[in-house]
């Protein structure tokens, strides 16, 4: 049983976002992902020397993104929830101020048999701030016969904009008293559920682009998306491969990131079509040629930019590779095999 705290403060200084303050307790550690000045935004990775979350663990995470700061936070590997009797808890508090961007799409959570986990996320945004937030919940160690053998998994995410609640995602999974393999749950034999939340003043415009960029269903999994509020878009996907869903969700998250920066006037360069590699199966697919396109020069330019961003996002390495981690991990830390 461990009580751990993690605190991250990102602040803009000149053109760059810098890590102004960070603190953490064992077994966690926060370090820069790559060079500190490789990008204008800040990229950090949250690592752990523990094999996963254990009985009685309590984790408190605080992230502050100051005015104009842009932060991407990565995780080290799949999150493992070990068998428990009393359970474990994680609480996350995030604040993103004016024109700030915070992107966090962690690796999938894998609940072992008899695990019990509660996670509460409270996120506060200014009117002009942007949140790109994801999660993937697996059914367990499928190939060990532990699919839906966990005791309880409760995830609550509340997003406030200008102190008003704009989105509430409350998921309670209890295999002992819920038919998780039936309709309205993990229907169709799926083993993983992915969620992406985009809250931004540009949500309506992004939703219009997603209507075309995601016009074709994926072969390996099923997804859908909707606008939950004037400034909130929610994407859900169901599949049976956690790594594949994570790559896809990361690509969509990168599209959201590039679209937001463009709308803020920070990314003026338009992706060149000839410089973007062809999409492979399992990545974001562009709208088919048979789909009707809206007319208008202004929209056509924006459409090319969004689709170009989607293609570019699909081939941009967003998650740290094992080779990279081996170089940057401290001696006590262990890379958990995916």
C-alpha atoms as a PDB file:
ATOM      1  CA  UNK A   1       0.000   0.000   0.000  1.00  0.00           C
ATOM      2  CA  UNK A   2       1.408   3.361  -1.098  1.00  0.00           C
ATOM      3  CA  UNK A   3       0.181   6.941  -0.902  1.00  0.00           C
ATOM      4  CA  UNK A   4       1.701   8.782  -3.841  1.00  0.00           C
ATOM      5  CA  UNK A   5       1.445  12.381  -5.017  1.00  0.00           C
ATOM      6  CA  UNK A   6       2.362  13.864  -8.386  1.00  0.00           C
ATOM      7  CA  UNK A   7       2.335  17.569  -9.198  1.00  0.00           C
ATOM      8  CA  UNK A   8       3.093  19.251 -12.522  1.00  0.00           C
ATOM      9  CA  UNK A   9       3.113  22.987 -13.264  1.00  0.00           C
ATOM     10  CA  UNK A  10       3.610  24.071 -16.884  1.00  0.00           C
ATOM     11  CA  UNK A  11       4.165  27.738 -17.666  1.00  0.00           C
ATOM     12  CA  UNK A  12       4.837  29.631 -20.884  1.00  0.00           C
ATOM     13  CA  UNK A  13       8.058  31.615 -21.034  1.00  0.00           C
ATOM     14  CA  UNK A  14       8.648  33.398 -24.330  1.00  0.00           C
ATOM     15  CA  UNK A  15       7.701  30.993 -27.123  1.00  0.00           C
ATOM     16  CA  UNK A  16       8.317  27.867 -25.055  1.00  0.00           C
ATOM     17  CA  UNK A  17       6.327  26.060 -22.405  1.00  0.00           C
ATOM     18  CA  UNK A  18       8.564  25.075 -19.497  1.00  0.00           C
ATOM     19  CA  UNK A  19       8.220  22.799 -16.508  1.00  0.00           C
ATOM     20  CA  UNK A  20       8.276  25.405 -13.736  1.00  0.00           C
ATOM     21  CA  UNK A  21       7.598  23.029 -10.881  1.00  0.00           C
ATOM     22  CA  UNK A  22       7.212  19.289 -10.387  1.00  0.00           C
ATOM     23  CA  UNK A  23       7.115  16.967  -7.428  1.00  0.00           C
ATOM     24  CA  UNK A  24       6.451  13.262  -7.034  1.00  0.00           C
ATOM     25  CA  UNK A  25       6.822  10.428  -4.583  1.00  0.00           C
ATOM     26  CA  UNK A  26       7.810   6.801  -5.088  1.00  0.00           C
ATOM     27  CA  UNK A  27       7.243   4.826  -7.207  1.00  0.00           C
ATOM     28  CA  UNK A  28       6.470   7.631  -9.693  1.00  0.00           C
ATOM     29  CA  UNK A  29       8.747   9.978 -11.580  1.00  0.00           C
ATOM     30  CA  UNK A  30       8.103  12.797 -14.092  1.00  0.00           C
ATOM     31  CA  UNK A  31      10.782  13.611 -16.672  1.00  0.00           C
ATOM     32  CA  UNK A  32      11.050  15.361 -20.017  1.00  0.00           C
ATOM     33  CA  UNK A  33      10.283  13.259 -23.060  1.00  0.00           C
ATOM     34  CA  UNK A  34      13.237  14.069 -25.329  1.00  0.00           C
ATOM     35  CA  UNK A  35      14.990  17.438 -25.453  1.00  0.00           C
ATOM     36  CA  UNK A  36      13.512  20.217 -23.338  1.00  0.00           C
ATOM     37  CA  UNK A  37      13.608  22.687 -26.238  1.00  0.00           C
ATOM     38  CA  UNK A  38      12.829  20.305 -29.088  1.00  0.00           C
ATOM     39  CA  UNK A  39       9.324  21.787 -29.348  1.00  0.00           C
ATOM     40  CA  UNK A  40       7.698  25.031 -28.313  1.00  0.00           C
ATOM     41  CA  UNK A  41       5.246  22.959 -26.260  1.00  0.00           C
ATOM     42  CA  UNK A  42       6.222  20.801 -23.284  1.00  0.00           C
ATOM     43  CA  UNK A  43       6.324  16.995 -23.446  1.00  0.00           C
ATOM     44  CA  UNK A  44       6.575  14.977 -20.234  1.00  0.00           C
ATOM     45  CA  UNK A  45       6.384  11.286 -19.429  1.00  0.00           C
ATOM     46  CA  UNK A  46       4.966   9.832 -16.222  1.00  0.00           C
ATOM     47  CA  UNK A  47       6.926   6.723 -15.208  1.00  0.00           C
ATOM     48  CA  UNK A  48       6.648   4.173 -12.426  1.00  0.00           C
ATOM     49  CA  UNK A  49       9.058   1.610 -11.014  1.00  0.00           C
ATOM     50  CA  UNK A  50       6.093  -0.397  -9.691  1.00  0.00           C
ATOM     51  CA  UNK A  51       4.579  -3.306 -11.683  1.00  0.00           C
ATOM     52  CA  UNK A  52       1.175  -1.694 -11.326  1.00  0.00           C
ATOM     53  CA  UNK A  53      -1.415  -0.454  -8.854  1.00  0.00           C
ATOM     54  CA  UNK A  54      -1.680  -2.599  -5.740  1.00  0.00           C
ATOM     55  CA  UNK A  55      -4.041  -3.127  -2.827  1.00  0.00           C
ATOM     56  CA  UNK A  56      -4.729   0.096  -0.918  1.00  0.00           C
ATOM     57  CA  UNK A  57      -2.746   2.385  -3.212  1.00  0.00           C
ATOM     58  CA  UNK A  58      -3.814   6.035  -3.273  1.00  0.00           C
ATOM     59  CA  UNK A  59      -2.549   8.307  -6.036  1.00  0.00           C
ATOM     60  CA  UNK A  60      -3.155  12.062  -6.127  1.00  0.00           C
ATOM     61  CA  UNK A  61      -2.249  13.867  -9.358  1.00  0.00           C
ATOM     62  CA  UNK A  62      -2.339  17.643  -9.830  1.00  0.00           C
ATOM     63  CA  UNK A  63      -1.667  19.291 -13.193  1.00  0.00           C
ATOM     64  CA  UNK A  64      -1.658  23.069 -13.704  1.00  0.00           C
ATOM     65  CA  UNK A  65      -1.331  24.473 -17.227  1.00  0.00           C
ATOM     66  CA  UNK A  66      -0.814  28.204 -16.975  1.00  0.00           C
ATOM     67  CA  UNK A  67      -1.957  30.877 -19.449  1.00  0.00           C
ATOM     68  CA  UNK A  68      -0.807  30.126 -23.004  1.00  0.00           C
ATOM     69  CA  UNK A  69       1.070  26.971 -21.975  1.00  0.00           C
ATOM     70  CA  UNK A  70       0.788  23.778 -24.050  1.00  0.00           C
ATOM     71  CA  UNK A  71       1.453  20.424 -22.388  1.00  0.00           C
ATOM     72  CA  UNK A  72       1.486  16.813 -23.609  1.00  0.00           C
ATOM     73  CA  UNK A  73       1.716  14.171 -20.881  1.00  0.00           C
ATOM     74  CA  UNK A  74       2.568  10.565 -21.801  1.00  0.00           C
ATOM     75  CA  UNK A  75       2.512   7.328 -19.810  1.00  0.00           C
ATOM     76  CA  UNK A  76       5.234   4.706 -19.683  1.00  0.00           C
ATOM     77  CA  UNK A  77       3.237   1.555 -20.484  1.00  0.00           C
ATOM     78  CA  UNK A  78      -0.050  -0.262 -19.990  1.00  0.00           C
ATOM     79  CA  UNK A  79      -1.559   0.308 -16.540  1.00  0.00           C
ATOM     80  CA  UNK A  80      -2.014  -2.903 -14.538  1.00  0.00           C
ATOM     81  CA  UNK A  81      -4.479  -3.281 -11.669  1.00  0.00           C
ATOM     82  CA  UNK A  82      -3.465  -6.173  -9.422  1.00  0.00           C
ATOM     83  CA  UNK A  83      -5.823  -8.324  -7.297  1.00  0.00           C
ATOM     84  CA  UNK A  84      -7.249  -6.438  -4.306  1.00  0.00           C
ATOM     85  CA  UNK A  85      -9.669  -6.851  -1.428  1.00  0.00           C
ATOM     86  CA  UNK A  86     -10.243  -3.244  -0.327  1.00  0.00           C
ATOM     87  CA  UNK A  87      -9.373  -1.600  -3.640  1.00  0.00           C
ATOM     88  CA  UNK A  88      -7.236   1.340  -4.774  1.00  0.00           C
ATOM     89  CA  UNK A  89      -8.010   4.966  -5.631  1.00  0.00           C
ATOM     90  CA  UNK A  90      -6.635   7.591  -7.979  1.00  0.00           C
ATOM     91  CA  UNK A  91      -7.672  11.253  -7.883  1.00  0.00           C
ATOM     92  CA  UNK A  92      -6.690  13.738 -10.595  1.00  0.00           C
ATOM     93  CA  UNK A  93      -7.165  17.510 -10.504  1.00  0.00           C
ATOM     94  CA  UNK A  94      -6.396  19.523 -13.649  1.00  0.00           C
ATOM     95  CA  UNK A  95      -6.585  23.262 -14.286  1.00  0.00           C
ATOM     96  CA  UNK A  96      -5.977  24.773 -17.729  1.00  0.00           C
ATOM     97  CA  UNK A  97      -5.963  28.552 -17.989  1.00  0.00           C
ATOM     98  CA  UNK A  98      -6.512  31.008 -20.851  1.00  0.00           C
ATOM     99  CA  UNK A  99      -5.375  29.710 -24.297  1.00  0.00           C
ATOM    100  CA  UNK A 100      -3.732  26.700 -22.653  1.00  0.00           C
ATOM    101  CA  UNK A 101      -3.798  23.190 -24.176  1.00  0.00           C
ATOM    102  CA  UNK A 102      -3.525  19.956 -22.193  1.00  0.00           C
ATOM    103  CA  UNK A 103      -3.320  16.579 -23.947  1.00  0.00           C
ATOM    104  CA  UNK A 104      -3.309  13.318 -21.991  1.00  0.00           C
ATOM    105  CA  UNK A 105      -4.054   9.958 -23.604  1.00  0.00           C
ATOM    106  CA  UNK A 106      -2.666   7.205 -21.344  1.00  0.00           C
ATOM    107  CA  UNK A 107      -2.023   3.588 -22.268  1.00  0.00           C
ATOM    108  CA  UNK A 108      -4.891   1.132 -21.681  1.00  0.00           C
ATOM    109  CA  UNK A 109      -5.824  -0.037 -18.190  1.00  0.00           C
ATOM    110  CA  UNK A 110      -5.711  -3.811 -17.682  1.00  0.00           C
ATOM    111  CA  UNK A 111      -7.678  -4.950 -14.578  1.00  0.00           C
ATOM    112  CA  UNK A 112      -6.539  -8.322 -13.219  1.00  0.00           C
ATOM    113  CA  UNK A 113      -9.003 -10.754 -11.673  1.00  0.00           C
ATOM    114  CA  UNK A 114     -10.408  -9.513  -8.339  1.00  0.00           C
ATOM    115  CA  UNK A 115      -9.104  -5.964  -8.821  1.00  0.00           C
ATOM    116  CA  UNK A 116     -11.110  -2.998  -7.516  1.00  0.00           C
ATOM    117  CA  UNK A 117     -10.210   0.485  -8.732  1.00  0.00           C
ATOM    118  CA  UNK A 118     -11.781   3.935  -8.472  1.00  0.00           C
ATOM    119  CA  UNK A 119     -10.563   6.957 -10.422  1.00  0.00           C
ATOM    120  CA  UNK A 120     -11.954  10.477 -10.061  1.00  0.00           C
ATOM    121  CA  UNK A 121     -10.966  13.215 -12.497  1.00  0.00           C
ATOM    122  CA  UNK A 122     -11.908  16.877 -12.056  1.00  0.00           C
ATOM    123  CA  UNK A 123     -10.829  19.231 -14.840  1.00  0.00           C
ATOM    124  CA  UNK A 124     -11.313  23.010 -14.822  1.00  0.00           C
ATOM    125  CA  UNK A 125     -10.894  25.056 -17.997  1.00  0.00           C
ATOM    126  CA  UNK A 126     -11.009  28.732 -18.832  1.00  0.00           C
ATOM    127  CA  UNK A 127     -13.283  29.699 -21.741  1.00  0.00           C
ATOM    128  CA  UNK A 128     -10.427  29.739 -24.260  1.00  0.00           C
ATOM    129  CA  UNK A 129      -8.590  26.655 -22.923  1.00  0.00           C
ATOM    130  CA  UNK A 130      -8.503  23.255 -24.666  1.00  0.00           C
ATOM    131  CA  UNK A 131      -8.588  19.749 -23.238  1.00  0.00           C
ATOM    132  CA  UNK A 132      -7.686  16.566 -25.158  1.00  0.00           C
ATOM    133  CA  UNK A 133      -8.313  13.700 -22.737  1.00  0.00           C
ATOM    134  CA  UNK A 134      -8.515   9.962 -23.352  1.00  0.00           C
ATOM    135  CA  UNK A 135      -8.750   6.612 -21.637  1.00  0.00           C
ATOM    136  CA  UNK A 136      -8.930   2.948 -22.662  1.00  0.00           C
ATOM    137  CA  UNK A 137     -10.430   0.314 -20.370  1.00  0.00           C
ATOM    138  CA  UNK A 138      -9.658  -3.337 -21.078  1.00  0.00           C
ATOM    139  CA  UNK A 139     -11.652  -6.317 -19.865  1.00  0.00           C
ATOM    140  CA  UNK A 140      -8.617  -7.908 -18.215  1.00  0.00           C
ATOM    141  CA  UNK A 141      -5.887 -10.382 -19.135  1.00  0.00           C
ATOM    142  CA  UNK A 142      -7.864 -11.954 -21.953  1.00  0.00           C
ATOM    143  CA  UNK A 143      -5.356 -14.667 -22.880  1.00  0.00           C
ATOM    144  CA  UNK A 144      -5.083 -15.708 -19.224  1.00  0.00           C
ATOM    145  CA  UNK A 145      -8.825 -16.306 -19.041  1.00  0.00           C
ATOM    146  CA  UNK A 146      -9.432 -13.229 -16.891  1.00  0.00           C
ATOM    147  CA  UNK A 147     -11.725 -11.268 -19.177  1.00  0.00           C
ATOM    148  CA  UNK A 148     -14.318  -9.454 -17.012  1.00  0.00           C
ATOM    149  CA  UNK A 149     -13.052 -11.171 -13.875  1.00  0.00           C
ATOM    150  CA  UNK A 150     -12.318  -7.945 -11.999  1.00  0.00           C
ATOM    151  CA  UNK A 151     -14.477  -6.973  -9.040  1.00  0.00           C
ATOM    152  CA  UNK A 152     -15.226  -3.329  -9.765  1.00  0.00           C
ATOM    153  CA  UNK A 153     -13.986  -0.432 -11.867  1.00  0.00           C
ATOM    154  CA  UNK A 154     -15.466   3.016 -11.360  1.00  0.00           C
ATOM    155  CA  UNK A 155     -14.312   5.974 -13.457  1.00  0.00           C
ATOM    156  CA  UNK A 156     -15.749   9.482 -13.043  1.00  0.00           C
ATOM    157  CA  UNK A 157     -14.595  12.413 -15.190  1.00  0.00           C
ATOM    158  CA  UNK A 158     -16.028  15.893 -14.696  1.00  0.00           C
ATOM    159  CA  UNK A 159     -15.062  18.746 -17.012  1.00  0.00           C
ATOM    160  CA  UNK A 160     -15.872  22.325 -16.029  1.00  0.00           C
ATOM    161  CA  UNK A 161     -15.593  25.308 -18.340  1.00  0.00           C
ATOM    162  CA  UNK A 162     -15.651  28.711 -16.665  1.00  0.00           C
ATOM    163  CA  UNK A 163     -16.798  26.902 -13.485  1.00  0.00           C
ATOM    164  CA  UNK A 164     -19.798  25.331 -15.248  1.00  0.00           C
ATOM    165  CA  UNK A 165     -20.079  21.570 -15.698  1.00  0.00           C
ATOM    166  CA  UNK A 166     -20.047  20.843 -19.445  1.00  0.00           C
ATOM    167  CA  UNK A 167     -19.352  17.098 -19.485  1.00  0.00           C
ATOM    168  CA  UNK A 168     -19.766  14.235 -17.018  1.00  0.00           C
ATOM    169  CA  UNK A 169     -18.565  10.737 -17.896  1.00  0.00           C
ATOM    170  CA  UNK A 170     -19.513   8.268 -15.153  1.00  0.00           C
ATOM    171  CA  UNK A 171     -18.719   4.616 -15.805  1.00  0.00           C
ATOM    172  CA  UNK A 172     -19.329   1.897 -13.248  1.00  0.00           C
ATOM    173  CA  UNK A 173     -18.353  -1.630 -14.310  1.00  0.00           C
ATOM    174  CA  UNK A 174     -19.206  -4.547 -12.013  1.00  0.00           C
ATOM    175  CA  UNK A 175     -19.015  -7.887 -13.844  1.00  0.00           C
ATOM    176  CA  UNK A 176     -20.612  -9.701 -10.888  1.00  0.00           C
ATOM    177  CA  UNK A 177     -23.936  -7.915 -11.347  1.00  0.00           C
ATOM    178  CA  UNK A 178     -23.811  -6.473 -14.886  1.00  0.00           C
ATOM    179  CA  UNK A 179     -24.012  -8.302 -18.241  1.00  0.00           C
ATOM    180  CA  UNK A 180     -20.876  -6.619 -19.598  1.00  0.00           C
ATOM    181  CA  UNK A 181     -20.842  -8.704 -22.793  1.00  0.00           C
ATOM    182  CA  UNK A 182     -24.372  -7.601 -23.769  1.00  0.00           C
ATOM    183  CA  UNK A 183     -25.914  -4.526 -25.387  1.00  0.00           C
ATOM    184  CA  UNK A 184     -25.042  -1.112 -23.902  1.00  0.00           C
ATOM    185  CA  UNK A 185     -21.823  -2.546 -22.453  1.00  0.00           C
ATOM    186  CA  UNK A 186     -19.031  -4.410 -24.335  1.00  0.00           C
ATOM    187  CA  UNK A 187     -21.493  -5.877 -26.839  1.00  0.00           C
ATOM    188  CA  UNK A 188     -20.284  -7.782 -29.871  1.00  0.00           C
ATOM    189  CA  UNK A 189     -17.493  -9.655 -28.104  1.00  0.00           C
ATOM    190  CA  UNK A 190     -15.296  -6.583 -27.673  1.00  0.00           C
ATOM    191  CA  UNK A 191     -12.721  -6.474 -24.898  1.00  0.00           C
ATOM    192  CA  UNK A 192     -11.604  -2.813 -24.907  1.00  0.00           C
ATOM    193  CA  UNK A 193     -13.425   0.502 -24.719  1.00  0.00           C
ATOM    194  CA  UNK A 194     -11.737   3.770 -25.721  1.00  0.00           C
ATOM    195  CA  UNK A 195     -12.905   7.316 -24.983  1.00  0.00           C
ATOM    196  CA  UNK A 196     -11.618  10.661 -26.242  1.00  0.00           C
ATOM    197  CA  UNK A 197     -12.896  13.968 -24.869  1.00  0.00           C
ATOM    198  CA  UNK A 198     -12.244  17.246 -26.684  1.00  0.00           C
ATOM    199  CA  UNK A 199     -13.376  20.403 -24.893  1.00  0.00           C
ATOM    200  CA  UNK A 200     -12.453  23.635 -26.646  1.00  0.00           C
ATOM    201  CA  UNK A 201     -13.962  26.815 -28.099  1.00  0.00           C
ATOM    202  CA  UNK A 202     -13.238  25.152 -31.482  1.00  0.00           C
ATOM    203  CA  UNK A 203     -15.264  21.996 -30.761  1.00  0.00           C
ATOM    204  CA  UNK A 204     -18.060  22.768 -33.236  1.00  0.00           C
ATOM    205  CA  UNK A 205     -15.587  23.314 -36.079  1.00  0.00           C
ATOM    206  CA  UNK A 206     -13.672  20.158 -35.200  1.00  0.00           C
ATOM    207  CA  UNK A 207     -16.915  18.145 -35.150  1.00  0.00           C
ATOM    208  CA  UNK A 208     -17.649  19.334 -38.703  1.00  0.00           C
ATOM    209  CA  UNK A 209     -14.231  18.099 -39.817  1.00  0.00           C
ATOM    210  CA  UNK A 210     -14.632  14.754 -38.035  1.00  0.00           C
ATOM    211  CA  UNK A 211     -17.869  14.218 -39.956  1.00  0.00           C
ATOM    212  CA  UNK A 212     -15.713  13.914 -43.073  1.00  0.00           C
ATOM    213  CA  UNK A 213     -12.348  12.708 -41.772  1.00  0.00           C
ATOM    214  CA  UNK A 214     -14.028   9.786 -39.931  1.00  0.00           C
ATOM    215  CA  UNK A 215     -16.657   9.114 -42.591  1.00  0.00           C
ATOM    216  CA  UNK A 216     -15.618   5.455 -42.997  1.00  0.00           C
ATOM    217  CA  UNK A 217     -15.892   2.831 -40.248  1.00  0.00           C
ATOM    218  CA  UNK A 218     -12.751   0.985 -39.230  1.00  0.00           C
ATOM    219  CA  UNK A 219     -12.389  -2.700 -40.073  1.00  0.00           C
ATOM    220  CA  UNK A 220     -11.060  -3.805 -36.687  1.00  0.00           C
ATOM    221  CA  UNK A 221     -13.288  -1.850 -34.311  1.00  0.00           C
ATOM    222  CA  UNK A 222     -16.445   0.227 -34.081  1.00  0.00           C
ATOM    223  CA  UNK A 223     -16.566   3.889 -33.151  1.00  0.00           C
ATOM    224  CA  UNK A 224     -18.907   6.834 -32.970  1.00  0.00           C
ATOM    225  CA  UNK A 225     -18.705  10.473 -31.956  1.00  0.00           C
ATOM    226  CA  UNK A 226     -21.065  13.225 -30.913  1.00  0.00           C
ATOM    227  CA  UNK A 227     -21.085  16.828 -29.780  1.00  0.00           C
ATOM    228  CA  UNK A 228     -22.158  16.815 -26.132  1.00  0.00           C
ATOM    229  CA  UNK A 229     -22.152  20.604 -25.647  1.00  0.00           C
ATOM    230  CA  UNK A 230     -21.311  23.672 -27.760  1.00  0.00           C
ATOM    231  CA  UNK A 231     -17.670  23.255 -26.707  1.00  0.00           C
ATOM    232  CA  UNK A 232     -17.419  19.473 -26.120  1.00  0.00           C
ATOM    233  CA  UNK A 233     -16.987  16.485 -28.460  1.00  0.00           C
ATOM    234  CA  UNK A 234     -16.930  12.866 -27.264  1.00  0.00           C
ATOM    235  CA  UNK A 235     -15.578   9.877 -29.224  1.00  0.00           C
ATOM    236  CA  UNK A 236     -16.197   6.242 -28.196  1.00  0.00           C
ATOM    237  CA  UNK A 237     -14.624   3.154 -29.760  1.00  0.00           C
ATOM    238  CA  UNK A 238     -14.927  -0.578 -29.059  1.00  0.00           C
ATOM    239  CA  UNK A 239     -12.320  -3.123 -30.104  1.00  0.00           C
ATOM    240  CA  UNK A 240     -10.365  -6.198 -29.060  1.00  0.00           C
ATOM    241  CA  UNK A 241      -6.774  -4.916 -29.284  1.00  0.00           C
ATOM    242  CA  UNK A 242      -5.622  -2.361 -26.744  1.00  0.00           C
ATOM    243  CA  UNK A 243      -2.462  -1.344 -28.619  1.00  0.00           C
ATOM    244  CA  UNK A 244      -4.378  -0.764 -31.832  1.00  0.00           C
ATOM    245  CA  UNK A 245      -6.992   1.374 -30.102  1.00  0.00           C
ATOM    246  CA  UNK A 246      -4.253   3.333 -28.346  1.00  0.00           C
ATOM    247  CA  UNK A 247      -2.499   4.114 -31.639  1.00  0.00           C
ATOM    248  CA  UNK A 248      -5.782   5.185 -33.224  1.00  0.00           C
ATOM    249  CA  UNK A 249      -6.822   7.328 -30.275  1.00  0.00           C
ATOM    250  CA  UNK A 250      -3.372   8.946 -30.216  1.00  0.00           C
ATOM    251  CA  UNK A 251      -3.690   9.800 -33.916  1.00  0.00           C
ATOM    252  CA  UNK A 252      -7.090  11.424 -33.347  1.00  0.00           C
ATOM    253  CA  UNK A 253      -5.659  13.279 -30.351  1.00  0.00           C
ATOM    254  CA  UNK A 254      -2.820  14.599 -32.502  1.00  0.00           C
ATOM    255  CA  UNK A 255      -5.353  15.787 -35.082  1.00  0.00           C
ATOM    256  CA  UNK A 256      -7.163  17.663 -32.291  1.00  0.00           C
ATOM    257  CA  UNK A 257      -3.839  19.149 -31.120  1.00  0.00           C
ATOM    258  CA  UNK A 258      -2.831  20.407 -34.580  1.00  0.00           C
ATOM    259  CA  UNK A 259      -6.330  21.716 -35.323  1.00  0.00           C
ATOM    260  CA  UNK A 260      -6.375  23.679 -32.047  1.00  0.00           C
ATOM    261  CA  UNK A 261      -2.950  25.226 -32.645  1.00  0.00           C
ATOM    262  CA  UNK A 262      -3.993  26.221 -36.170  1.00  0.00           C
ATOM    263  CA  UNK A 263      -7.164  27.882 -34.865  1.00  0.00           C
ATOM    264  CA  UNK A 264      -5.057  29.735 -32.294  1.00  0.00           C
ATOM    265  CA  UNK A 265      -2.877  31.029 -35.123  1.00  0.00           C
ATOM    266  CA  UNK A 266       0.208  29.166 -33.898  1.00  0.00           C
ATOM    267  CA  UNK A 267       0.614  26.619 -36.686  1.00  0.00           C
ATOM    268  CA  UNK A 268       0.633  28.424 -40.002  1.00  0.00           C
ATOM    269  CA  UNK A 269       2.362  25.750 -42.092  1.00  0.00           C
ATOM    270  CA  UNK A 270      -0.035  23.626 -44.082  1.00  0.00           C
ATOM    271  CA  UNK A 271       0.905  19.934 -44.367  1.00  0.00           C
ATOM    272  CA  UNK A 272       2.116  19.126 -47.864  1.00  0.00           C
ATOM    273  CA  UNK A 273       0.242  16.172 -49.333  1.00  0.00           C
ATOM    274  CA  UNK A 274       3.349  14.725 -51.037  1.00  0.00           C
ATOM    275  CA  UNK A 275       5.274  14.770 -47.755  1.00  0.00           C
ATOM    276  CA  UNK A 276       2.698  12.694 -45.889  1.00  0.00           C
ATOM    277  CA  UNK A 277       3.018   8.919 -45.991  1.00  0.00           C
ATOM    278  CA  UNK A 278       0.079   6.795 -47.145  1.00  0.00           C
ATOM    279  CA  UNK A 279      -2.135   5.628 -44.328  1.00  0.00           C
ATOM    280  CA  UNK A 280      -1.816   1.985 -43.361  1.00  0.00           C
ATOM    281  CA  UNK A 281      -4.664  -0.177 -42.194  1.00  0.00           C
ATOM    282  CA  UNK A 282      -5.516   0.638 -38.605  1.00  0.00           C
ATOM    283  CA  UNK A 283      -4.927   4.390 -38.870  1.00  0.00           C
ATOM    284  CA  UNK A 284      -7.227   7.337 -39.469  1.00  0.00           C
ATOM    285  CA  UNK A 285      -8.807   6.993 -42.876  1.00  0.00           C
ATOM    286  CA  UNK A 286      -9.636  10.016 -45.072  1.00  0.00           C
ATOM    287  CA  UNK A 287     -13.096  10.559 -46.466  1.00  0.00           C
ATOM    288  CA  UNK A 288     -13.833   8.347 -49.459  1.00  0.00           C
ATOM    289  CA  UNK A 289     -14.004   9.915 -52.914  1.00  0.00           C
ATOM    290  CA  UNK A 290     -17.721   9.141 -53.150  1.00  0.00           C
ATOM    291  CA  UNK A 291     -18.481  11.396 -50.169  1.00  0.00           C
ATOM    292  CA  UNK A 292     -19.931  14.791 -51.224  1.00  0.00           C
ATOM    293  CA  UNK A 293     -17.794  17.798 -50.327  1.00  0.00           C
ATOM    294  CA  UNK A 294     -19.133  21.156 -49.284  1.00  0.00           C
ATOM    295  CA  UNK A 295     -18.393  23.949 -51.668  1.00  0.00           C
ATOM    296  CA  UNK A 296     -16.495  27.121 -50.877  1.00  0.00           C
ATOM    297  CA  UNK A 297     -12.838  28.045 -51.150  1.00  0.00           C
ATOM    298  CA  UNK A 298     -12.483  28.836 -47.451  1.00  0.00           C
ATOM    299  CA  UNK A 299     -13.853  25.478 -46.357  1.00  0.00           C
ATOM    300  CA  UNK A 300     -11.880  23.570 -48.974  1.00  0.00           C
ATOM    301  CA  UNK A 301      -8.627  24.981 -47.588  1.00  0.00           C
ATOM    302  CA  UNK A 302      -9.634  24.115 -44.033  1.00  0.00           C
ATOM    303  CA  UNK A 303     -10.703  20.627 -45.155  1.00  0.00           C
ATOM    304  CA  UNK A 304      -7.326  19.919 -46.728  1.00  0.00           C
ATOM    305  CA  UNK A 305      -5.605  21.148 -43.588  1.00  0.00           C
ATOM    306  CA  UNK A 306      -7.670  18.943 -41.292  1.00  0.00           C
ATOM    307  CA  UNK A 307      -7.257  15.845 -43.433  1.00  0.00           C
ATOM    308  CA  UNK A 308      -3.579  16.561 -43.835  1.00  0.00           C
ATOM    309  CA  UNK A 309      -3.297  16.880 -40.082  1.00  0.00           C
ATOM    310  CA  UNK A 310      -5.065  13.541 -39.684  1.00  0.00           C
ATOM    311  CA  UNK A 311      -2.651  11.825 -42.056  1.00  0.00           C
ATOM    312  CA  UNK A 312       0.348  13.510 -40.478  1.00  0.00           C
ATOM    313  CA  UNK A 313      -0.886  12.608 -37.001  1.00  0.00           C
ATOM    314  CA  UNK A 314      -1.238   8.984 -38.004  1.00  0.00           C
ATOM    315  CA  UNK A 315       2.451   8.717 -38.886  1.00  0.00           C
ATOM    316  CA  UNK A 316       3.821  10.968 -36.127  1.00  0.00           C
ATOM    317  CA  UNK A 317       5.245   8.933 -33.212  1.00  0.00           C
ATOM    318  CA  UNK A 318       3.227  10.288 -30.280  1.00  0.00           C
ATOM    319  CA  UNK A 319       3.988   7.530 -27.781  1.00  0.00           C
ATOM    320  CA  UNK A 320       7.525   6.852 -26.535  1.00  0.00           C
ATOM    321  CA  UNK A 321       8.998   3.704 -28.055  1.00  0.00           C
ATOM    322  CA  UNK A 322      10.639   1.039 -25.918  1.00  0.00           C
ATOM    323  CA  UNK A 323      14.007   1.909 -27.477  1.00  0.00           C
ATOM    324  CA  UNK A 324      13.600   5.544 -26.451  1.00  0.00           C
ATOM    325  CA  UNK A 325      12.521   4.584 -22.952  1.00  0.00           C
ATOM    326  CA  UNK A 326      15.542   2.360 -22.475  1.00  0.00           C
ATOM    327  CA  UNK A 327      17.737   5.395 -23.038  1.00  0.00           C
ATOM    328  CA  UNK A 328      15.913   7.777 -20.715  1.00  0.00           C
ATOM    329  CA  UNK A 329      14.692   5.504 -17.918  1.00  0.00           C
ATOM    330  CA  UNK A 330      16.550   5.722 -14.605  1.00  0.00           C
ATOM    331  CA  UNK A 331      18.140   2.544 -13.299  1.00  0.00           C
ATOM    332  CA  UNK A 332      15.413   1.534 -10.792  1.00  0.00           C
ATOM    333  CA  UNK A 333      12.571   1.985 -13.263  1.00  0.00           C
ATOM    334  CA  UNK A 334      11.314  -0.957 -15.294  1.00  0.00           C
ATOM    335  CA  UNK A 335       9.586  -0.817 -18.658  1.00  0.00           C
ATOM    336  CA  UNK A 336       6.554  -3.036 -18.372  1.00  0.00           C
ATOM    337  CA  UNK A 337       6.122  -5.246 -21.392  1.00  0.00           C
ATOM    338  CA  UNK A 338       3.146  -4.260 -23.494  1.00  0.00           C
END
